[in-house]
Amino acid sequence: MYARKLQVESVNPHGEAQLCPIAWIDNFAMRNFTNDAVFDDTLPVADGLLEVGFRVPIDQLEMAMEDWFRRKGYIKPEEKLRVTQLQDG
């Protein structure tokens, strides 16, 4: 079910990235404001690491997470969120 590993980072205006804390990711996963079932297949694993199923669209996930993180005050208006699929080693 959780077949893909994603890296979740906040990026400042200078392009410097920082892994998002697992607490932020977990907050989104547990209290997803979209009420969209497509995001049910998500599992926060560690800081900056989220495992998801194949039916989770990464672009929509990134937009929804960025919106949620802004609403919660986790990221500043000038920052953005970057969600990247990691290659299995």
N, C-alpha and C. Protein backbone atom coordinates (compact mmCIF):
# COMPACT_ATOMS: atom_id res chain seq x y z
N MET A 1 0.82 -1.19 0.00
CA MET A 1 0.00 0.00 0.00
C MET A 1 0.87 1.26 0.00
N TYR A 2 1.90 1.31 0.82
CA TYR A 2 2.78 2.48 0.88
C TYR A 2 4.02 2.19 0.03
N ALA A 3 3.83 2.23 -1.27
CA ALA A 3 4.85 1.77 -2.20
C ALA A 3 5.86 2.84 -2.59
N ARG A 4 5.54 4.11 -2.31
CA ARG A 4 6.45 5.19 -2.72
C ARG A 4 6.91 5.97 -1.49
N LYS A 5 8.16 6.40 -1.54
CA LYS A 5 8.72 7.21 -0.47
C LYS A 5 8.92 8.63 -1.00
N LEU A 6 8.42 9.59 -0.24
CA LEU A 6 8.51 10.99 -0.64
C LEU A 6 9.32 11.77 0.38
N GLN A 7 10.11 12.70 -0.13
CA GLN A 7 10.83 13.63 0.73
C GLN A 7 10.02 14.93 0.76
N VAL A 8 9.80 15.46 1.96
CA VAL A 8 9.01 16.67 2.13
C VAL A 8 9.90 17.74 2.76
N GLU A 9 10.09 18.84 2.02
CA GLU A 9 10.99 19.90 2.47
C GLU A 9 10.32 21.27 2.37
N SER A 10 10.69 22.15 3.28
CA SER A 10 10.34 23.56 3.12
C SER A 10 11.55 24.24 2.49
N VAL A 11 11.27 25.15 1.57
CA VAL A 11 12.35 25.82 0.82
C VAL A 11 12.20 27.32 1.02
N ASN A 12 13.27 27.97 1.49
CA ASN A 12 13.22 29.41 1.71
C ASN A 12 13.48 30.15 0.39
N PRO A 13 13.32 31.47 0.38
CA PRO A 13 13.50 32.24 -0.87
C PRO A 13 14.90 32.14 -1.47
N HIS A 14 15.89 31.73 -0.68
CA HIS A 14 17.26 31.58 -1.17
C HIS A 14 17.50 30.19 -1.76
N GLY A 15 16.47 29.35 -1.74
CA GLY A 15 16.60 28.01 -2.30
C GLY A 15 17.12 26.98 -1.32
N GLU A 16 17.30 27.37 -0.07
CA GLU A 16 17.79 26.44 0.95
C GLU A 16 16.63 25.59 1.46
N ALA A 17 16.83 24.28 1.42
CA ALA A 17 15.78 23.35 1.82
C ALA A 17 16.05 22.78 3.20
N GLN A 18 14.96 22.51 3.90
CA GLN A 18 15.04 21.90 5.22
C GLN A 18 13.94 20.84 5.31
N LEU A 19 14.28 19.68 5.84
CA LEU A 19 13.27 18.63 5.99
C LEU A 19 12.17 19.10 6.93
N CYS A 20 10.94 18.83 6.56
CA CYS A 20 9.81 19.19 7.41
C CYS A 20 9.73 18.20 8.57
N PRO A 21 9.49 18.69 9.78
CA PRO A 21 9.39 17.80 10.93
C PRO A 21 8.24 16.80 10.78
N ILE A 22 8.44 15.63 11.31
CA ILE A 22 7.40 14.60 11.22
C ILE A 22 6.10 15.09 11.86
N ALA A 23 6.18 15.93 12.87
CA ALA A 23 4.96 16.44 13.52
C ALA A 23 4.09 17.21 12.53
N TRP A 24 4.72 17.98 11.64
CA TRP A 24 3.95 18.71 10.62
C TRP A 24 3.28 17.74 9.67
N ILE A 25 4.07 16.77 9.19
CA ILE A 25 3.57 15.80 8.22
C ILE A 25 2.45 14.97 8.84
N ASP A 26 2.65 14.57 10.08
CA ASP A 26 1.65 13.78 10.78
C ASP A 26 0.37 14.58 10.98
N ASN A 27 0.52 15.86 11.30
CA ASN A 27 -0.65 16.72 11.48
C ASN A 27 -1.48 16.77 10.21
N PHE A 28 -0.81 16.89 9.07
CA PHE A 28 -1.53 16.89 7.79
C PHE A 28 -2.20 15.54 7.56
N ALA A 29 -1.46 14.47 7.79
CA ALA A 29 -1.97 13.12 7.50
C ALA A 29 -3.15 12.76 8.40
N MET A 30 -3.11 13.19 9.65
CA MET A 30 -4.15 12.82 10.60
C MET A 30 -5.35 13.76 10.57
N ARG A 31 -5.13 15.00 10.20
CA ARG A 31 -6.20 15.99 10.26
C ARG A 31 -6.38 16.68 8.91
N ASN A 32 -6.22 15.93 7.87
CA ASN A 32 -6.27 16.49 6.52
C ASN A 32 -7.57 17.28 6.31
N PHE A 33 -7.41 18.57 6.09
CA PHE A 33 -8.57 19.46 5.95
C PHE A 33 -9.33 19.25 4.65
N THR A 34 -8.74 18.58 3.68
CA THR A 34 -9.41 18.43 2.39
C THR A 34 -10.52 17.39 2.44
N ASN A 35 -10.46 16.49 3.41
CA ASN A 35 -11.40 15.38 3.50
C ASN A 35 -11.44 14.58 2.20
N ASP A 36 -10.32 14.56 1.50
CA ASP A 36 -10.21 13.84 0.24
C ASP A 36 -9.63 12.46 0.50
N ALA A 37 -10.38 11.43 0.18
CA ALA A 37 -9.96 10.06 0.46
C ALA A 37 -8.66 9.68 -0.24
N VAL A 38 -8.30 10.40 -1.29
CA VAL A 38 -7.07 10.08 -2.02
C VAL A 38 -5.84 10.22 -1.13
N PHE A 39 -5.94 11.04 -0.09
CA PHE A 39 -4.80 11.24 0.81
C PHE A 39 -4.80 10.26 1.99
N ASP A 40 -5.74 9.33 2.02
CA ASP A 40 -5.78 8.33 3.09
C ASP A 40 -4.58 7.40 3.07
N ASP A 41 -4.01 7.19 1.90
CA ASP A 41 -2.88 6.27 1.75
C ASP A 41 -1.55 6.98 2.00
N THR A 42 -1.43 7.61 3.16
CA THR A 42 -0.20 8.31 3.52
C THR A 42 0.25 7.85 4.90
N LEU A 43 1.56 7.72 5.06
CA LEU A 43 2.12 7.27 6.33
C LEU A 43 3.38 8.08 6.64
N PRO A 44 3.30 9.02 7.60
CA PRO A 44 4.51 9.74 8.01
C PRO A 44 5.49 8.77 8.66
N VAL A 45 6.76 8.84 8.26
CA VAL A 45 7.75 7.89 8.74
C VAL A 45 8.83 8.56 9.60
N ALA A 46 9.29 9.72 9.17
CA ALA A 46 10.37 10.43 9.87
C ALA A 46 10.35 11.88 9.41
N ASP A 47 11.23 12.69 9.98
CA ASP A 47 11.35 14.07 9.51
C ASP A 47 11.62 14.04 8.01
N GLY A 48 10.78 14.75 7.27
CA GLY A 48 10.97 14.86 5.83
C GLY A 48 10.64 13.62 5.03
N LEU A 49 10.07 12.59 5.65
CA LEU A 49 9.81 11.34 4.93
C LEU A 49 8.35 10.91 5.10
N LEU A 50 7.71 10.70 3.96
CA LEU A 50 6.32 10.29 3.91
C LEU A 50 6.20 9.14 2.92
N GLU A 51 5.56 8.06 3.33
CA GLU A 51 5.30 6.96 2.41
C GLU A 51 3.86 7.07 1.95
N VAL A 52 3.64 6.82 0.65
CA VAL A 52 2.31 6.95 0.07
C VAL A 52 2.03 5.80 -0.88
N GLY A 53 0.75 5.58 -1.12
CA GLY A 53 0.33 4.57 -2.08
C GLY A 53 0.38 5.13 -3.50
N PHE A 54 0.19 4.24 -4.47
CA PHE A 54 0.26 4.64 -5.88
C PHE A 54 -0.87 5.57 -6.30
N ARG A 55 -1.99 5.53 -5.60
CA ARG A 55 -3.11 6.36 -6.03
C ARG A 55 -3.02 7.80 -5.55
N VAL A 56 -2.01 8.13 -4.74
CA VAL A 56 -1.84 9.49 -4.24
C VAL A 56 -1.12 10.33 -5.30
N PRO A 57 -1.78 11.35 -5.85
CA PRO A 57 -1.13 12.22 -6.84
C PRO A 57 -0.18 13.20 -6.14
N ILE A 58 1.09 13.11 -6.46
CA ILE A 58 2.11 13.89 -5.75
C ILE A 58 1.89 15.39 -5.92
N ASP A 59 1.51 15.83 -7.11
CA ASP A 59 1.31 17.27 -7.32
C ASP A 59 0.16 17.81 -6.46
N GLN A 60 -0.93 17.06 -6.37
CA GLN A 60 -2.05 17.48 -5.53
C GLN A 60 -1.68 17.42 -4.05
N LEU A 61 -0.92 16.40 -3.68
CA LEU A 61 -0.47 16.27 -2.30
C LEU A 61 0.39 17.47 -1.91
N GLU A 62 1.32 17.84 -2.79
CA GLU A 62 2.20 18.97 -2.51
C GLU A 62 1.39 20.26 -2.32
N MET A 63 0.43 20.51 -3.19
CA MET A 63 -0.39 21.72 -3.07
C MET A 63 -1.22 21.71 -1.79
N ALA A 64 -1.82 20.57 -1.47
CA ALA A 64 -2.66 20.48 -0.27
C ALA A 64 -1.81 20.63 1.00
N MET A 65 -0.64 19.99 1.01
CA MET A 65 0.24 20.10 2.18
C MET A 65 0.75 21.52 2.35
N GLU A 66 1.13 22.16 1.26
CA GLU A 66 1.62 23.54 1.35
C GLU A 66 0.54 24.46 1.89
N ASP A 67 -0.67 24.30 1.41
CA ASP A 67 -1.79 25.11 1.90
C ASP A 67 -2.01 24.86 3.39
N TRP A 68 -2.01 23.60 3.79
CA TRP A 68 -2.21 23.24 5.20
C TRP A 68 -1.09 23.81 6.07
N PHE A 69 0.15 23.66 5.63
CA PHE A 69 1.29 24.16 6.41
C PHE A 69 1.24 25.68 6.56
N ARG A 70 0.78 26.37 5.53
CA ARG A 70 0.63 27.83 5.63
C ARG A 70 -0.46 28.19 6.64
N ARG A 71 -1.58 27.49 6.55
CA ARG A 71 -2.69 27.76 7.48
C ARG A 71 -2.28 27.53 8.93
N LYS A 72 -1.44 26.55 9.16
CA LYS A 72 -0.96 26.23 10.50
C LYS A 72 0.19 27.13 10.94
N GLY A 73 0.74 27.91 10.01
CA GLY A 73 1.87 28.78 10.34
C GLY A 73 3.21 28.07 10.35
N TYR A 74 3.26 26.87 9.77
CA TYR A 74 4.51 26.11 9.73
C TYR A 74 5.50 26.70 8.73
N ILE A 75 4.99 27.18 7.60
CA ILE A 75 5.86 27.81 6.62
C ILE A 75 5.39 29.25 6.40
N LYS A 76 6.35 30.11 6.11
CA LYS A 76 6.08 31.53 5.91
C LYS A 76 5.58 31.77 4.49
N PRO A 77 4.94 32.91 4.27
CA PRO A 77 4.41 33.21 2.92
C PRO A 77 5.47 33.15 1.81
N GLU A 78 6.70 33.51 2.14
CA GLU A 78 7.74 33.53 1.11
C GLU A 78 8.39 32.15 0.91
N GLU A 79 8.04 31.19 1.73
CA GLU A 79 8.59 29.83 1.60
C GLU A 79 7.64 28.98 0.77
N LYS A 80 8.18 27.88 0.26
CA LYS A 80 7.34 26.94 -0.48
C LYS A 80 7.65 25.53 0.00
N LEU A 81 6.81 24.63 -0.40
CA LEU A 81 6.98 23.23 -0.04
C LEU A 81 7.45 22.47 -1.27
N ARG A 82 8.34 21.52 -1.06
CA ARG A 82 8.80 20.67 -2.16
C ARG A 82 8.63 19.22 -1.75
N VAL A 83 7.88 18.49 -2.56
CA VAL A 83 7.66 17.06 -2.32
C VAL A 83 8.27 16.31 -3.50
N THR A 84 9.22 15.44 -3.19
CA THR A 84 9.98 14.73 -4.22
C THR A 84 9.93 13.24 -3.97
N GLN A 85 9.66 12.47 -5.02
CA GLN A 85 9.69 11.02 -4.87
C GLN A 85 11.13 10.55 -4.84
N LEU A 86 11.45 9.73 -3.84
CA LEU A 86 12.79 9.18 -3.71
C LEU A 86 12.89 7.88 -4.50
N GLN A 87 14.05 7.64 -5.05
CA GLN A 87 14.29 6.39 -5.76
C GLN A 87 14.67 5.31 -4.76
N ASP A 88 14.12 4.14 -4.94
CA ASP A 88 14.49 3.03 -4.06
C ASP A 88 15.91 2.60 -4.35
N GLY A 89 16.66 2.36 -3.27
CA GLY A 89 18.05 1.98 -3.42
C GLY A 89 18.15 0.54 -3.64
